[in-house]
Amino acid sequence: MPLERGQDLIQAPKSEFVAMLEKRWSQGHFLCVGLDSDRDKITKLYGLGQFAFNKEIVDVTNNLVCAYKPNSAFYEAQLRRGGMVALIETVKYIHDHYPGIPVILDAKKNDIGNTAEQYARFVFDEIGADGVTLNPYLGREAMTPFLERSDKGNIYLVKTSNPGAGEFQDLPVGPEQTPLYQVVAQHIAESWNVNGNCAVVVGATKPRELLEVRELIGDMPMLIPGLGKVQGGRPEDLPPAYNQRGTGIIANLSREIIFPEVKEGEQLQSAIRRKAVEWHDAILQARTQALQA
């Protein structure tokens, strides 16, 4: 039987990662800015390096966000041109200048045994991230090095927003022929979240699935990609994802904010700030309307 919306399966301690998010949510911040900093693009458009570009973004959006989410691929691809240094500098800059804003490394890591241990060291100790996206396909045992980091966030892919997501995620499994993504969400909520450091990823383009997963995971955080013109997710699609307290979401936007249309006479930072404010306010407005309905 599905849970009543917002009911917690595990009475787990609250991790430092979740506590940081809850403080930002209490201030009315649900927007997450994805730092998908394409070095070639930003060099061509603005003549900036990755860290300098990220610094510009963070300096004008820090009072609007609940988190930042650099995508590891954009920095790994620039390894020989200082990409990983830029990533580490970005995380450190956020921690040093805007403490209390968690940084999620979008890396989708997964492996077994001592390899998983090395990935956890890389993400949390070398990069300094507060949370990381993970692929749950290898099961709970393989995720032990991440789950044991009780202060850090484990954010598991459940229902993604790409067009081909249903190829495996929607497959019916078990005697009740439950969609696989729901089984994954239920396992994470029922047995993985003993340290209160788990969260899930569900795409904004799937409002029905947002509600279904929320009913399964209780109050756990939900990272929601797929917002914006490219993938089509809207602020009005988010209310089914809120927990019983009207919080619990990390609404991610990347390109639409970090590569805005710069109007004539407008500075880059002003354009970035303008787009972030638009989305921040639109998310809050849709949330208010939903809570009042």
Protein backbone atom coordinates (compact mmCIF):
# COMPACT_ATOMS: atom_id res chain seq x y z
CA MET A 1 0.00 0.00 0.00
CA PRO A 2 1.34 3.47 -0.79
CA LEU A 3 2.16 5.76 2.08
CA GLU A 4 0.05 8.72 2.93
CA ARG A 5 1.75 11.71 1.38
CA GLY A 6 4.62 12.93 3.51
CA GLN A 7 4.71 9.98 5.94
CA ASP A 8 8.25 8.95 6.86
CA LEU A 9 9.21 5.30 6.64
CA ILE A 10 12.39 5.56 8.68
CA GLN A 11 12.71 7.73 11.77
CA ALA A 12 16.27 8.58 10.82
CA PRO A 13 18.54 11.26 12.27
CA LYS A 14 18.79 14.40 10.18
CA SER A 15 22.05 14.62 8.26
CA GLU A 16 24.03 17.84 8.02
CA PHE A 17 23.24 17.91 4.29
CA VAL A 18 19.48 17.81 4.89
CA ALA A 19 19.77 20.33 7.73
CA MET A 20 21.49 22.76 5.35
CA LEU A 21 18.70 22.31 2.80
CA GLU A 22 15.98 22.77 5.41
CA LYS A 23 17.46 26.06 6.53
CA ARG A 24 17.48 27.34 2.95
CA TRP A 25 13.90 26.12 2.43
CA SER A 26 12.82 27.92 5.60
CA GLN A 27 14.08 31.12 3.95
CA GLY A 28 11.93 30.48 0.87
CA HIS A 29 14.67 29.18 -1.42
CA PHE A 30 13.92 26.12 -3.57
CA LEU A 31 15.95 26.96 -6.67
CA CYS A 32 19.16 25.07 -7.42
CA VAL A 33 21.51 26.55 -10.01
CA GLY A 34 23.36 23.96 -12.07
CA LEU A 35 26.93 25.03 -12.78
CA ASP A 36 27.19 23.23 -16.13
CA SER A 37 30.04 25.46 -17.16
CA ASP A 38 30.96 24.62 -20.74
CA ARG A 39 34.49 26.03 -20.96
CA ASP A 40 34.54 26.40 -24.74
CA LYS A 41 31.22 28.24 -24.72
CA ILE A 42 32.04 30.61 -21.88
CA THR A 43 35.48 31.38 -23.32
CA LYS A 44 33.94 32.18 -26.69
CA LEU A 45 31.05 34.24 -25.31
CA TYR A 46 32.62 35.95 -22.31
CA GLY A 47 36.36 35.34 -22.36
CA LEU A 48 36.22 33.75 -18.92
CA GLY A 49 37.58 30.57 -17.41
CA GLN A 50 35.35 28.08 -15.61
CA PHE A 51 36.06 29.25 -12.07
CA ALA A 52 35.77 32.95 -12.93
CA PHE A 53 32.44 32.24 -14.67
CA ASN A 54 31.13 30.24 -11.73
CA LYS A 55 32.18 32.97 -9.31
CA GLU A 56 30.16 35.52 -11.30
CA ILE A 57 27.08 33.27 -11.08
CA VAL A 58 27.43 32.50 -7.38
CA ASP A 59 28.03 36.11 -6.39
CA VAL A 60 24.70 37.24 -7.89
CA THR A 61 22.48 34.24 -7.05
CA ASN A 62 23.54 33.14 -3.56
CA ASN A 63 20.56 34.75 -1.83
CA LEU A 64 18.12 32.99 -4.17
CA VAL A 65 19.20 29.35 -4.04
CA CYS A 66 18.91 26.29 -1.83
CA ALA A 67 21.93 24.62 -3.49
CA TYR A 68 24.41 24.67 -6.35
CA LYS A 69 24.97 21.67 -8.60
CA PRO A 70 28.12 21.55 -10.74
CA ASN A 71 28.01 18.75 -13.30
CA SER A 72 31.26 16.82 -13.09
CA ALA A 73 31.36 16.07 -16.83
CA PHE A 74 32.01 19.71 -17.78
CA TYR A 75 35.11 19.77 -15.58
CA GLU A 76 36.42 16.27 -16.29
CA ALA A 77 36.27 17.06 -20.02
CA GLN A 78 38.64 19.98 -19.40
CA LEU A 79 41.07 18.02 -17.23
CA ARG A 80 44.18 19.11 -19.18
CA ARG A 81 43.06 22.73 -19.11
CA GLY A 82 42.48 22.92 -15.38
CA GLY A 83 38.90 21.69 -15.25
CA MET A 84 39.20 19.78 -12.00
CA VAL A 85 41.08 22.64 -10.37
CA ALA A 86 38.22 24.94 -11.38
CA LEU A 87 35.70 22.54 -9.87
CA ILE A 88 37.56 22.31 -6.56
CA GLU A 89 38.03 26.09 -6.46
CA THR A 90 34.31 26.58 -7.15
CA VAL A 91 33.24 24.32 -4.29
CA LYS A 92 35.74 25.95 -1.92
CA TYR A 93 34.62 29.44 -2.93
CA ILE A 94 30.99 28.63 -2.16
CA HIS A 95 31.88 27.10 1.20
CA ASP A 96 34.19 29.96 2.16
CA HIS A 97 32.03 32.88 1.05
CA TYR A 98 28.49 31.52 1.33
CA PRO A 99 28.58 28.86 4.06
CA GLY A 100 25.34 27.03 4.56
CA ILE A 101 24.62 26.55 0.85
CA PRO A 102 25.18 22.89 -0.01
CA VAL A 103 27.05 21.91 -3.17
CA ILE A 104 25.82 18.82 -5.00
CA LEU A 105 28.22 17.17 -7.43
CA ASP A 106 26.20 15.79 -10.32
CA ALA A 107 28.39 12.79 -11.07
CA LYS A 108 26.01 9.78 -11.05
CA LYS A 109 28.72 7.60 -9.52
CA ASN A 110 28.32 3.88 -8.90
CA ASP A 111 30.61 0.88 -8.43
CA ILE A 112 31.39 -1.88 -5.96
CA GLY A 113 33.76 -2.54 -3.07
CA ASN A 114 36.94 -0.53 -2.80
CA THR A 115 36.17 1.25 -6.09
CA ALA A 116 33.05 2.76 -4.53
CA GLU A 117 35.17 3.76 -1.53
CA GLN A 118 37.53 5.64 -3.83
CA TYR A 119 34.64 7.38 -5.56
CA ALA A 120 33.31 8.50 -2.16
CA ARG A 121 36.76 9.83 -1.25
CA PHE A 122 36.97 11.66 -4.58
CA VAL A 123 33.56 13.32 -4.26
CA PHE A 124 33.58 14.23 -0.58
CA ASP A 125 37.25 14.53 0.40
CA GLU A 126 38.96 15.73 -2.77
CA ILE A 127 36.21 17.79 -4.39
CA GLY A 128 34.58 18.75 -1.09
CA ALA A 129 30.98 18.28 -2.21
CA ASP A 130 28.16 18.12 0.33
CA GLY A 131 26.10 15.72 -1.77
CA VAL A 132 26.36 13.64 -4.93
CA THR A 133 24.03 12.09 -7.48
CA LEU A 134 24.30 8.31 -7.60
CA ASN A 135 23.08 5.46 -9.78
CA PRO A 136 21.35 2.88 -7.53
CA TYR A 137 21.49 0.04 -10.07
CA LEU A 138 24.13 -1.97 -8.17
CA GLY A 139 22.03 -2.06 -5.00
CA ARG A 140 22.39 -0.95 -1.40
CA GLU A 141 25.48 -3.02 -0.59
CA ALA A 142 27.51 -1.26 -3.28
CA MET A 143 26.41 2.13 -1.95
CA THR A 144 27.71 1.48 1.57
CA PRO A 145 30.74 3.85 1.31
CA PHE A 146 28.36 6.68 0.41
CA LEU A 147 25.57 5.76 2.83
CA GLU A 148 28.04 5.63 5.72
CA ARG A 149 28.92 9.29 5.14
CA SER A 150 26.12 10.30 7.47
CA ASP A 151 26.78 14.03 7.08
CA LYS A 152 26.69 13.94 3.26
CA GLY A 153 23.84 13.70 0.75
CA ASN A 154 23.20 10.55 -1.32
CA ILE A 155 20.90 11.55 -4.20
CA TYR A 156 19.71 8.54 -6.20
CA LEU A 157 18.39 8.49 -9.75
CA VAL A 158 14.79 7.27 -9.67
CA LYS A 159 12.81 8.79 -12.56
CA THR A 160 14.84 10.92 -14.94
CA SER A 161 13.56 13.52 -17.40
CA ASN A 162 15.22 12.33 -20.61
CA PRO A 163 12.89 11.05 -23.38
CA GLY A 164 14.21 7.49 -23.21
CA ALA A 165 13.97 7.15 -19.43
CA GLY A 166 11.08 4.71 -19.56
CA GLU A 167 13.06 2.02 -21.41
CA PHE A 168 14.16 0.55 -18.09
CA GLN A 169 12.67 2.80 -15.40
CA ASP A 170 9.06 1.98 -16.34
CA LEU A 171 9.54 -1.78 -16.64
CA PRO A 172 6.96 -3.68 -14.53
CA VAL A 173 8.63 -5.92 -11.95
CA GLY A 174 7.58 -8.34 -9.21
CA PRO A 175 4.25 -10.03 -8.60
CA GLU A 176 2.37 -6.72 -8.59
CA GLN A 177 4.13 -5.54 -11.79
CA THR A 178 5.19 -2.30 -10.13
CA PRO A 179 7.22 0.10 -12.30
CA LEU A 180 10.91 -0.30 -11.55
CA TYR A 181 11.39 3.36 -10.61
CA GLN A 182 8.79 3.01 -7.86
CA VAL A 183 10.51 -0.12 -6.52
CA VAL A 184 13.82 1.76 -6.40
CA ALA A 185 12.23 4.69 -4.56
CA GLN A 186 10.60 2.36 -2.06
CA HIS A 187 13.84 0.51 -1.33
CA ILE A 188 15.68 3.79 -0.72
CA ALA A 189 12.95 5.00 1.64
CA GLU A 190 12.45 1.72 3.47
CA SER A 191 15.99 0.51 4.05
CA TRP A 192 18.68 2.85 2.72
CA ASN A 193 17.93 6.07 4.59
CA VAL A 194 18.96 4.97 8.09
CA ASN A 195 21.30 7.98 8.43
CA GLY A 196 18.77 10.46 7.09
CA ASN A 197 21.11 11.34 4.21
CA CYS A 198 19.22 10.02 1.18
CA ALA A 199 17.36 11.90 -1.53
CA VAL A 200 16.01 11.03 -4.98
CA VAL A 201 16.03 12.45 -8.51
CA VAL A 202 12.70 12.80 -10.35
CA GLY A 203 12.30 14.87 -13.52
CA ALA A 204 10.06 17.94 -13.59
CA THR A 205 8.48 16.78 -16.85
CA LYS A 206 6.72 13.94 -14.98
CA PRO A 207 4.19 15.58 -12.56
CA ARG A 208 2.31 12.33 -11.99
CA GLU A 209 5.54 10.54 -11.16
CA LEU A 210 6.55 13.38 -8.84
CA LEU A 211 3.45 12.70 -6.76
CA GLU A 212 3.84 8.92 -6.90
CA VAL A 213 7.43 9.08 -5.71
CA ARG A 214 6.61 11.64 -3.01
CA GLU A 215 3.98 9.25 -1.64
CA LEU A 216 6.66 6.56 -1.42
CA ILE A 217 9.53 8.52 0.12
CA GLY A 218 7.85 10.66 2.75
CA ASP A 219 9.74 13.83 3.63
CA MET A 220 13.02 12.98 1.89
CA PRO A 221 14.51 15.66 -0.41
CA MET A 222 13.79 15.41 -4.11
CA LEU A 223 16.18 16.83 -6.73
CA ILE A 224 14.14 17.89 -9.76
CA PRO A 225 15.89 18.50 -13.11
CA GLY A 226 14.12 19.14 -16.40
CA LEU A 227 12.85 22.67 -15.77
CA GLY A 228 13.02 25.33 -18.45
CA LYS A 229 12.46 25.81 -22.16
CA VAL A 230 14.73 22.98 -23.32
CA GLN A 231 13.03 20.13 -21.42
CA GLY A 232 9.73 21.82 -20.71
CA GLY A 233 9.28 21.60 -16.94
CA ARG A 234 7.36 24.52 -15.39
CA PRO A 235 7.02 25.91 -11.86
CA GLU A 236 3.37 24.81 -12.00
CA ASP A 237 4.54 21.20 -12.32
CA LEU A 238 6.37 21.23 -8.97
CA PRO A 239 3.63 21.27 -6.28
CA PRO A 240 3.05 17.48 -6.36
CA ALA A 241 6.67 17.06 -5.26
CA TYR A 242 6.41 19.08 -2.04
CA ASN A 243 6.32 17.14 1.21
CA GLN A 244 3.73 17.55 3.98
CA ARG A 245 5.52 20.69 5.20
CA GLY A 246 5.45 22.33 1.78
CA THR A 247 9.22 21.89 1.35
CA GLY A 248 11.50 19.07 0.23
CA ILE A 249 12.41 20.06 -3.32
CA ILE A 250 15.65 21.07 -5.04
CA ALA A 251 14.42 22.61 -8.31
CA ASN A 252 17.36 22.66 -10.70
CA LEU A 253 17.97 24.98 -13.64
CA SER A 254 21.24 25.23 -15.49
CA ARG A 255 21.53 26.65 -19.00
CA GLU A 256 18.54 28.97 -18.83
CA ILE A 257 20.12 30.83 -15.91
CA ILE A 258 23.86 30.56 -16.53
CA PHE A 259 23.60 31.31 -20.27
CA PRO A 260 20.84 33.94 -20.34
CA GLU A 261 19.97 36.21 -23.21
CA VAL A 262 21.90 39.38 -22.42
CA LYS A 263 19.91 42.45 -23.36
CA GLU A 264 21.50 45.46 -25.03
CA GLY A 265 23.43 47.44 -22.44
CA GLU A 266 23.06 44.71 -19.84
CA GLN A 267 25.99 43.14 -18.01
CA LEU A 268 26.34 39.35 -17.81
CA GLN A 269 25.88 39.28 -14.04
CA SER A 270 22.72 41.39 -14.32
CA ALA A 271 21.28 39.01 -16.90
CA ILE A 272 22.08 35.97 -14.76
CA ARG A 273 20.55 37.62 -11.72
CA ARG A 274 17.43 38.60 -13.69
CA LYS A 275 16.78 35.02 -14.87
CA ALA A 276 17.44 33.56 -11.42
CA VAL A 277 15.00 36.02 -9.83
CA GLU A 278 12.36 35.14 -12.45
CA TRP A 279 12.59 31.44 -11.65
CA HIS A 280 12.91 31.92 -7.90
CA ASP A 281 9.78 34.08 -7.83
CA ALA A 282 7.83 31.84 -10.22
CA ILE A 283 8.56 28.77 -8.08
CA LEU A 284 7.43 30.59 -4.93
CA GLN A 285 4.27 31.87 -6.62
CA ALA A 286 3.28 28.40 -7.87
CA ARG A 287 4.00 26.96 -4.42
CA THR A 288 1.88 29.61 -2.67
CA GLN A 289 -1.04 29.04 -5.01
CA ALA A 290 -0.85 25.28 -4.52
CA LEU A 291 -0.71 25.52 -0.73
CA GLN A 292 -3.69 27.87 -0.69
CA ALA A 293 -5.79 25.72 -3.02
